[in-house]
């Protein structure tokens, strides 16, 4: 999948780690925006407002939805992909119904804005009911 712009939602890895991975793998995007739900919890950091939106934690779904809305406005359209790493992490903070409603909302928002979405789900969670629900909402599942 080719994309010019990436909205990377990290629910399990800090911003600096993600950016180092992108540098090591020589990943280059015209525009990259990271929604970081991890770093503020573990370390004081120098925020990079050009490339990051830093949330307190994955616990606040409303804050995450607002950040996604800001990101979609900053990087609109078909040349943008949103990558969620990893949706399974939300299950540590929320029950399956909340995660299912969130996924449904996000998937439909992205469709309305012509933004592709990729959701990473841990292999251990593949048999959970919520994953089956999410699979029914998406266009393609890759294992």
N, C-alpha and C. Protein backbone atom coordinates (compact mmCIF):
# COMPACT_ATOMS: atom_id res chain seq x y z
N UNK A 1 0.85 -1.18 0.00
CA UNK A 1 0.00 0.00 0.00
C UNK A 1 0.89 1.24 0.00
N UNK A 2 0.65 2.11 -0.93
CA UNK A 2 1.40 3.36 -1.01
C UNK A 2 0.54 4.48 -0.46
N UNK A 3 1.20 5.37 0.25
CA UNK A 3 0.52 6.53 0.79
C UNK A 3 1.53 7.67 0.89
N UNK A 4 1.05 8.87 0.71
CA UNK A 4 1.93 10.03 0.84
C UNK A 4 1.95 10.54 2.27
N UNK A 5 0.79 10.47 2.91
CA UNK A 5 0.64 11.02 4.26
C UNK A 5 0.21 9.92 5.21
N UNK A 6 0.72 9.99 6.44
CA UNK A 6 0.39 8.97 7.42
C UNK A 6 0.01 9.61 8.75
N UNK A 7 -1.12 9.14 9.28
CA UNK A 7 -1.51 9.45 10.66
C UNK A 7 -1.25 8.15 11.42
N UNK A 8 -0.28 8.17 12.31
CA UNK A 8 0.11 6.97 13.04
C UNK A 8 -0.38 7.12 14.47
N UNK A 9 -1.33 6.27 14.87
CA UNK A 9 -1.87 6.31 16.23
C UNK A 9 -1.14 5.24 17.03
N UNK A 10 -0.31 5.68 17.96
CA UNK A 10 0.41 4.72 18.78
C UNK A 10 -0.22 4.64 20.16
N UNK A 11 -0.72 3.45 20.43
CA UNK A 11 -1.36 3.17 21.71
C UNK A 11 -0.44 2.38 22.63
N UNK A 12 0.71 1.94 22.08
CA UNK A 12 1.58 1.07 22.86
C UNK A 12 3.07 1.41 22.80
N UNK A 13 3.46 2.34 21.94
CA UNK A 13 4.89 2.68 21.80
C UNK A 13 5.07 4.19 21.88
N UNK A 14 6.10 4.63 22.60
CA UNK A 14 6.31 6.08 22.70
C UNK A 14 6.76 6.72 21.39
N UNK A 15 6.49 7.99 21.27
CA UNK A 15 6.79 8.78 20.08
C UNK A 15 8.23 8.63 19.61
N UNK A 16 9.19 8.80 20.52
CA UNK A 16 10.61 8.72 20.13
C UNK A 16 10.94 7.35 19.55
N UNK A 17 10.40 6.30 20.12
CA UNK A 17 10.64 4.96 19.62
C UNK A 17 10.09 4.81 18.20
N UNK A 18 8.87 5.28 17.99
CA UNK A 18 8.23 5.22 16.67
C UNK A 18 9.05 5.99 15.65
N UNK A 19 9.47 7.20 16.00
CA UNK A 19 10.23 8.02 15.07
C UNK A 19 11.59 7.38 14.75
N UNK A 20 12.22 6.77 15.74
CA UNK A 20 13.48 6.07 15.50
C UNK A 20 13.28 4.89 14.55
N UNK A 21 12.18 4.16 14.71
CA UNK A 21 11.88 3.06 13.79
C UNK A 21 11.71 3.57 12.37
N UNK A 22 10.97 4.66 12.21
CA UNK A 22 10.79 5.23 10.88
C UNK A 22 12.13 5.64 10.27
N UNK A 23 13.00 6.24 11.09
CA UNK A 23 14.33 6.64 10.60
C UNK A 23 15.16 5.43 10.20
N UNK A 24 15.19 4.41 11.06
CA UNK A 24 15.97 3.20 10.76
C UNK A 24 15.51 2.52 9.47
N UNK A 25 14.19 2.48 9.28
CA UNK A 25 13.63 1.82 8.09
C UNK A 25 13.56 2.75 6.89
N UNK A 26 14.03 3.97 7.08
CA UNK A 26 14.03 4.99 6.02
C UNK A 26 12.62 5.23 5.46
N UNK A 27 11.66 5.24 6.36
CA UNK A 27 10.27 5.53 5.98
C UNK A 27 10.15 7.04 5.82
N UNK A 28 9.72 7.45 4.67
CA UNK A 28 9.57 8.88 4.38
C UNK A 28 8.15 9.13 3.89
N UNK A 29 7.54 10.08 4.46
CA UNK A 29 6.20 10.50 4.07
C UNK A 29 6.28 11.99 3.75
N UNK A 30 5.42 12.43 2.84
CA UNK A 30 5.35 13.88 2.64
C UNK A 30 4.95 14.54 3.95
N UNK A 31 3.97 13.92 4.60
CA UNK A 31 3.54 14.42 5.90
C UNK A 31 3.27 13.24 6.82
N UNK A 32 3.72 13.37 8.06
CA UNK A 32 3.54 12.35 9.08
C UNK A 32 3.03 13.03 10.33
N UNK A 33 1.99 12.47 10.91
CA UNK A 33 1.45 12.98 12.15
C UNK A 33 1.25 11.80 13.08
N UNK A 34 1.87 11.86 14.25
CA UNK A 34 1.77 10.79 15.23
C UNK A 34 0.83 11.23 16.35
N UNK A 35 -0.17 10.41 16.62
CA UNK A 35 -1.02 10.62 17.79
C UNK A 35 -0.48 9.65 18.84
N UNK A 36 0.15 10.20 19.85
CA UNK A 36 0.87 9.43 20.85
C UNK A 36 0.06 9.38 22.15
N UNK A 37 -0.34 8.17 22.52
CA UNK A 37 -1.12 7.96 23.74
C UNK A 37 -0.25 7.38 24.86
N UNK A 38 1.07 7.40 24.70
CA UNK A 38 1.95 6.70 25.62
C UNK A 38 2.94 7.63 26.34
N UNK A 39 3.61 8.48 25.59
CA UNK A 39 4.78 9.20 26.10
C UNK A 39 4.52 10.03 27.34
N UNK A 40 3.42 10.74 27.39
CA UNK A 40 3.16 11.63 28.53
C UNK A 40 3.07 10.86 29.84
N UNK A 41 2.68 9.59 29.76
CA UNK A 41 2.57 8.78 30.97
C UNK A 41 3.92 8.35 31.51
N UNK A 42 4.91 8.21 30.63
CA UNK A 42 6.16 7.58 31.08
C UNK A 42 7.35 8.53 31.21
N UNK A 43 7.30 9.67 30.55
CA UNK A 43 8.46 10.55 30.61
C UNK A 43 8.09 11.98 30.23
N UNK A 44 8.76 12.95 30.86
CA UNK A 44 8.60 14.31 30.34
C UNK A 44 9.23 14.36 28.96
N UNK A 45 8.62 15.05 28.04
CA UNK A 45 9.16 15.05 26.69
C UNK A 45 9.04 16.42 26.06
N UNK A 46 9.88 16.61 25.08
CA UNK A 46 9.76 17.79 24.26
C UNK A 46 8.76 17.45 23.16
N UNK A 47 7.62 18.06 23.20
CA UNK A 47 6.60 17.75 22.20
C UNK A 47 6.95 18.40 20.88
N UNK A 48 6.62 17.71 19.82
CA UNK A 48 6.88 18.18 18.46
C UNK A 48 5.53 18.45 17.81
N UNK A 49 4.99 19.66 17.97
CA UNK A 49 3.64 19.93 17.45
C UNK A 49 3.53 19.82 15.94
N UNK A 50 4.67 19.86 15.25
CA UNK A 50 4.65 19.69 13.80
C UNK A 50 4.29 18.25 13.42
N UNK A 51 4.74 17.31 14.22
CA UNK A 51 4.57 15.90 13.87
C UNK A 51 3.80 15.10 14.91
N UNK A 52 3.39 15.69 16.02
CA UNK A 52 2.76 14.90 17.05
C UNK A 52 1.63 15.58 17.78
N UNK A 53 0.67 14.76 18.17
CA UNK A 53 -0.39 15.15 19.10
C UNK A 53 -0.22 14.21 20.28
N UNK A 54 0.00 14.76 21.46
CA UNK A 54 0.34 13.95 22.62
C UNK A 54 -0.82 13.92 23.60
N UNK A 55 -1.36 12.73 23.82
CA UNK A 55 -2.49 12.53 24.72
C UNK A 55 -2.01 11.97 26.05
N UNK A 56 -2.85 12.10 27.05
CA UNK A 56 -2.47 11.63 28.39
C UNK A 56 -2.36 10.11 28.45
N UNK A 57 -3.28 9.40 27.80
CA UNK A 57 -3.26 7.93 27.85
C UNK A 57 -4.31 7.38 26.88
N UNK A 58 -4.29 6.08 26.64
CA UNK A 58 -5.33 5.47 25.79
C UNK A 58 -6.68 5.36 26.50
N UNK A 59 -6.74 5.75 27.76
CA UNK A 59 -7.98 5.60 28.52
C UNK A 59 -9.08 6.55 28.06
N UNK A 60 -8.72 7.73 27.58
CA UNK A 60 -9.71 8.73 27.22
C UNK A 60 -10.05 8.64 25.72
N UNK A 61 -11.09 7.88 25.43
CA UNK A 61 -11.52 7.66 24.04
C UNK A 61 -11.98 8.97 23.41
N UNK A 62 -12.63 9.82 24.17
CA UNK A 62 -13.11 11.09 23.64
C UNK A 62 -11.93 11.95 23.19
N UNK A 63 -10.89 12.02 24.00
CA UNK A 63 -9.69 12.79 23.64
C UNK A 63 -9.05 12.21 22.37
N UNK A 64 -9.05 10.89 22.25
CA UNK A 64 -8.50 10.25 21.07
C UNK A 64 -9.33 10.59 19.83
N UNK A 65 -10.64 10.59 19.95
CA UNK A 65 -11.51 10.95 18.82
C UNK A 65 -11.27 12.40 18.39
N UNK A 66 -11.09 13.30 19.35
CA UNK A 66 -10.82 14.70 19.04
C UNK A 66 -9.48 14.84 18.32
N UNK A 67 -8.47 14.11 18.79
CA UNK A 67 -7.15 14.15 18.14
C UNK A 67 -7.23 13.60 16.72
N UNK A 68 -7.99 12.53 16.52
CA UNK A 68 -8.16 11.99 15.17
C UNK A 68 -8.86 12.98 14.26
N UNK A 69 -9.84 13.69 14.78
CA UNK A 69 -10.53 14.72 14.00
C UNK A 69 -9.55 15.82 13.59
N UNK A 70 -8.69 16.25 14.52
CA UNK A 70 -7.67 17.26 14.20
C UNK A 70 -6.72 16.74 13.13
N UNK A 71 -6.32 15.48 13.25
CA UNK A 71 -5.38 14.90 12.30
C UNK A 71 -6.00 14.79 10.91
N UNK A 72 -7.28 14.40 10.84
CA UNK A 72 -7.96 14.29 9.55
C UNK A 72 -8.07 15.64 8.87
N UNK A 73 -8.25 16.69 9.65
CA UNK A 73 -8.31 18.04 9.09
C UNK A 73 -6.93 18.49 8.61
N UNK A 74 -5.89 18.07 9.33
CA UNK A 74 -4.53 18.45 8.96
C UNK A 74 -4.03 17.70 7.73
N UNK A 75 -4.46 16.44 7.58
CA UNK A 75 -4.02 15.59 6.46
C UNK A 75 -5.23 14.96 5.79
N UNK A 76 -6.04 15.75 5.10
CA UNK A 76 -7.26 15.21 4.51
C UNK A 76 -7.00 14.42 3.22
N UNK A 77 -7.94 13.54 2.90
CA UNK A 77 -8.00 12.99 1.57
C UNK A 77 -7.39 11.64 1.30
N UNK A 78 -7.52 11.27 0.04
CA UNK A 78 -7.18 9.94 -0.44
C UNK A 78 -5.70 9.58 -0.32
N UNK A 79 -4.85 10.55 -0.20
CA UNK A 79 -3.41 10.26 -0.12
C UNK A 79 -2.96 10.03 1.32
N UNK A 80 -3.92 9.91 2.23
CA UNK A 80 -3.62 9.73 3.65
C UNK A 80 -4.09 8.36 4.12
N UNK A 81 -3.28 7.76 4.98
CA UNK A 81 -3.63 6.50 5.63
C UNK A 81 -3.49 6.70 7.13
N UNK A 82 -4.40 6.11 7.89
CA UNK A 82 -4.30 6.10 9.34
C UNK A 82 -3.96 4.69 9.78
N UNK A 83 -2.91 4.57 10.59
CA UNK A 83 -2.47 3.28 11.10
C UNK A 83 -2.63 3.28 12.61
N UNK A 84 -3.41 2.32 13.13
CA UNK A 84 -3.63 2.18 14.57
C UNK A 84 -2.75 1.04 15.09
N UNK A 85 -1.83 1.37 15.98
CA UNK A 85 -0.90 0.39 16.54
C UNK A 85 -1.02 0.41 18.05
N UNK A 86 -1.62 -0.43 18.65
CA UNK A 86 -2.44 -1.54 18.21
C UNK A 86 -3.80 -1.40 18.87
N UNK A 87 -4.82 -1.76 18.12
CA UNK A 87 -6.17 -1.69 18.64
C UNK A 87 -6.34 -2.60 19.86
N UNK A 88 -5.58 -3.67 19.90
CA UNK A 88 -5.62 -4.59 21.04
C UNK A 88 -5.31 -3.88 22.36
N UNK A 89 -4.46 -2.87 22.31
CA UNK A 89 -4.08 -2.14 23.53
C UNK A 89 -5.29 -1.49 24.17
N UNK A 90 -6.25 -1.04 23.35
CA UNK A 90 -7.45 -0.42 23.93
C UNK A 90 -8.22 -1.39 24.82
N UNK A 91 -8.09 -2.68 24.53
CA UNK A 91 -8.79 -3.69 25.34
C UNK A 91 -8.23 -3.78 26.76
N UNK A 92 -7.04 -3.24 26.99
CA UNK A 92 -6.49 -3.19 28.35
C UNK A 92 -7.19 -2.13 29.19
N UNK A 93 -7.77 -1.12 28.53
CA UNK A 93 -8.36 0.02 29.21
C UNK A 93 -9.88 0.07 29.14
N UNK A 94 -10.45 -0.64 28.15
CA UNK A 94 -11.89 -0.55 27.90
C UNK A 94 -12.47 -1.93 27.63
N UNK A 95 -13.77 -2.07 27.88
CA UNK A 95 -14.39 -3.35 27.55
C UNK A 95 -14.64 -3.44 26.04
N UNK A 96 -14.97 -4.62 25.59
CA UNK A 96 -15.12 -4.87 24.16
C UNK A 96 -16.19 -3.99 23.51
N UNK A 97 -17.27 -3.69 24.23
CA UNK A 97 -18.32 -2.87 23.64
C UNK A 97 -17.83 -1.46 23.33
N UNK A 98 -17.06 -0.88 24.23
CA UNK A 98 -16.52 0.47 24.02
C UNK A 98 -15.55 0.46 22.84
N UNK A 99 -14.67 -0.53 22.79
CA UNK A 99 -13.71 -0.61 21.69
C UNK A 99 -14.43 -0.84 20.37
N UNK A 100 -15.47 -1.66 20.38
CA UNK A 100 -16.25 -1.91 19.17
C UNK A 100 -16.93 -0.65 18.66
N UNK A 101 -17.53 0.11 19.55
CA UNK A 101 -18.18 1.37 19.16
C UNK A 101 -17.16 2.37 18.64
N UNK A 102 -16.01 2.44 19.30
CA UNK A 102 -14.94 3.33 18.86
C UNK A 102 -14.49 2.94 17.45
N UNK A 103 -14.23 1.66 17.23
CA UNK A 103 -13.76 1.18 15.92
C UNK A 103 -14.80 1.48 14.84
N UNK A 104 -16.05 1.24 15.14
CA UNK A 104 -17.13 1.52 14.18
C UNK A 104 -17.15 3.00 13.82
N UNK A 105 -17.07 3.85 14.83
CA UNK A 105 -17.07 5.30 14.60
C UNK A 105 -15.87 5.71 13.74
N UNK A 106 -14.68 5.23 14.10
CA UNK A 106 -13.46 5.61 13.38
C UNK A 106 -13.48 5.11 11.95
N UNK A 107 -13.87 3.87 11.75
CA UNK A 107 -13.91 3.30 10.40
C UNK A 107 -14.82 4.12 9.51
N UNK A 108 -16.00 4.46 10.02
CA UNK A 108 -16.94 5.24 9.20
C UNK A 108 -16.48 6.68 9.00
N UNK A 109 -15.84 7.28 10.00
CA UNK A 109 -15.28 8.63 9.83
C UNK A 109 -14.22 8.64 8.74
N UNK A 110 -13.35 7.66 8.78
CA UNK A 110 -12.28 7.59 7.77
C UNK A 110 -12.86 7.39 6.38
N UNK A 111 -13.88 6.56 6.28
CA UNK A 111 -14.53 6.35 4.97
C UNK A 111 -15.12 7.66 4.45
N UNK A 112 -15.79 8.40 5.32
CA UNK A 112 -16.40 9.66 4.90
C UNK A 112 -15.36 10.67 4.44
N UNK A 113 -14.15 10.59 4.99
CA UNK A 113 -13.08 11.52 4.63
C UNK A 113 -12.12 10.94 3.59
N UNK A 114 -12.48 9.79 3.03
CA UNK A 114 -11.65 9.12 2.01
C UNK A 114 -10.23 8.85 2.50
N UNK A 115 -10.11 8.49 3.77
CA UNK A 115 -8.82 8.16 4.37
C UNK A 115 -8.79 6.66 4.63
N UNK A 116 -7.75 6.01 4.12
CA UNK A 116 -7.60 4.58 4.38
C UNK A 116 -7.22 4.36 5.83
N UNK A 117 -7.63 3.21 6.38
CA UNK A 117 -7.31 2.86 7.76
C UNK A 117 -6.73 1.47 7.82
N UNK A 118 -5.75 1.31 8.69
CA UNK A 118 -5.15 0.01 8.97
C UNK A 118 -5.17 -0.15 10.49
N UNK A 119 -5.70 -1.27 10.95
CA UNK A 119 -5.75 -1.57 12.37
C UNK A 119 -4.88 -2.78 12.65
N UNK A 120 -3.89 -2.62 13.49
CA UNK A 120 -3.08 -3.76 13.92
C UNK A 120 -3.76 -4.36 15.13
N UNK A 121 -3.92 -5.69 15.08
CA UNK A 121 -4.51 -6.43 16.19
C UNK A 121 -3.55 -7.57 16.52
N UNK A 122 -3.25 -7.75 17.79
CA UNK A 122 -2.34 -8.81 18.19
C UNK A 122 -2.93 -10.18 17.88
N UNK A 123 -2.09 -11.08 17.45
CA UNK A 123 -2.51 -12.44 17.10
C UNK A 123 -3.27 -13.10 18.25
N UNK A 124 -2.85 -12.86 19.48
CA UNK A 124 -3.51 -13.46 20.64
C UNK A 124 -4.96 -13.01 20.79
N UNK A 125 -5.31 -11.89 20.20
CA UNK A 125 -6.67 -11.35 20.33
C UNK A 125 -7.57 -11.71 19.16
N UNK A 126 -7.05 -12.43 18.17
CA UNK A 126 -7.80 -12.70 16.94
C UNK A 126 -9.09 -13.46 17.19
N UNK A 127 -9.14 -14.30 18.19
CA UNK A 127 -10.34 -15.08 18.45
C UNK A 127 -11.36 -14.37 19.34
N UNK A 128 -11.04 -13.21 19.81
CA UNK A 128 -11.98 -12.47 20.66
C UNK A 128 -13.16 -11.99 19.84
N UNK A 129 -14.29 -11.91 20.51
CA UNK A 129 -15.53 -11.48 19.86
C UNK A 129 -15.38 -10.10 19.22
N UNK A 130 -14.68 -9.19 19.89
CA UNK A 130 -14.54 -7.83 19.37
C UNK A 130 -13.81 -7.82 18.03
N UNK A 131 -12.83 -8.69 17.88
CA UNK A 131 -12.09 -8.74 16.62
C UNK A 131 -13.01 -9.21 15.51
N UNK A 132 -13.87 -10.15 15.82
CA UNK A 132 -14.85 -10.63 14.82
C UNK A 132 -15.79 -9.49 14.41
N UNK A 133 -16.19 -8.68 15.37
CA UNK A 133 -17.06 -7.53 15.07
C UNK A 133 -16.33 -6.54 14.17
N UNK A 134 -15.09 -6.23 14.51
CA UNK A 134 -14.31 -5.28 13.71
C UNK A 134 -14.07 -5.83 12.31
N UNK A 135 -13.79 -7.14 12.21
CA UNK A 135 -13.59 -7.75 10.89
C UNK A 135 -14.82 -7.56 10.01
N UNK A 136 -16.01 -7.56 10.62
CA UNK A 136 -17.23 -7.37 9.84
C UNK A 136 -17.38 -5.94 9.33
N UNK A 137 -16.66 -5.00 9.91
CA UNK A 137 -16.76 -3.58 9.53
C UNK A 137 -15.77 -3.18 8.44
N UNK A 138 -14.67 -3.92 8.32
CA UNK A 138 -13.60 -3.51 7.41
C UNK A 138 -13.73 -4.15 6.06
N UNK A 139 -13.01 -3.61 5.08
CA UNK A 139 -13.05 -4.12 3.71
C UNK A 139 -12.18 -5.35 3.50
N UNK A 140 -11.10 -5.46 4.26
CA UNK A 140 -10.15 -6.55 4.05
C UNK A 140 -9.45 -6.90 5.35
N UNK A 141 -9.20 -8.18 5.55
CA UNK A 141 -8.44 -8.65 6.71
C UNK A 141 -7.20 -9.36 6.19
N UNK A 142 -6.04 -8.98 6.72
CA UNK A 142 -4.77 -9.60 6.34
C UNK A 142 -4.19 -10.25 7.58
N UNK A 143 -3.82 -11.51 7.45
CA UNK A 143 -3.22 -12.22 8.60
C UNK A 143 -1.79 -12.56 8.30
